[in-house]
Amino acid sequence: MVETTILVRQNVLSGIASASVITGKPRSTIVVMLIKRIMDDNRPLLREDRCVEYQERQPGKEWHRLHVYLHMKEYECFLDLRKFCKKSVSFLVAFGVYKYLDEIIKELEIIRIIPDNYLINHYSQKTSFYKGVYYWRIIWGKPQKHSKHHEL
């Protein structure tokens, strides 16, 4: 497990804490479910050729450290999402709270269980060396039809 922290505003922390109480799931699970939902619906957020965007500073707004415990695969996924969306992880979590938190609470109230310990499925990465060059292959999602992956 990887222990890390995310800086969030009070309203984001309150939303995650409330979801945790309502569903009986740890805060880390709620955060991972938010990030998973962003991954599943990632097209509008993907960006190229820009710096990472952080949440806007607002004088008088208090920031809080949220401790999150992640499996290594989840942690790597968070870093990749940051890289490809060009948004800080805390920005993505805040976006997830505003856009998906109510849906996640409703889903968890209905099923009351999470069928898998690893919430982020269909994500993998592989490092390879080809003709003197290292490259990384990162795969999000499950292909519609089974086919062989094309080699570089």
Foldseek 3Di string as FASTA:
>chain_A
DDKDKAKEFPVLVVLLVVLCVLLVHDSQVLLLVLLLVCLVVVVVQFDPDDAADEDDDDPPIDIDIDIHDDDPQSVVSLVVSCVGSSYHSRVSSSVSSVPPSVVVSVVSVVVSDDPDPHPQPQWDKDWDADPRDIDMDITHDDDPDDDDDDDD
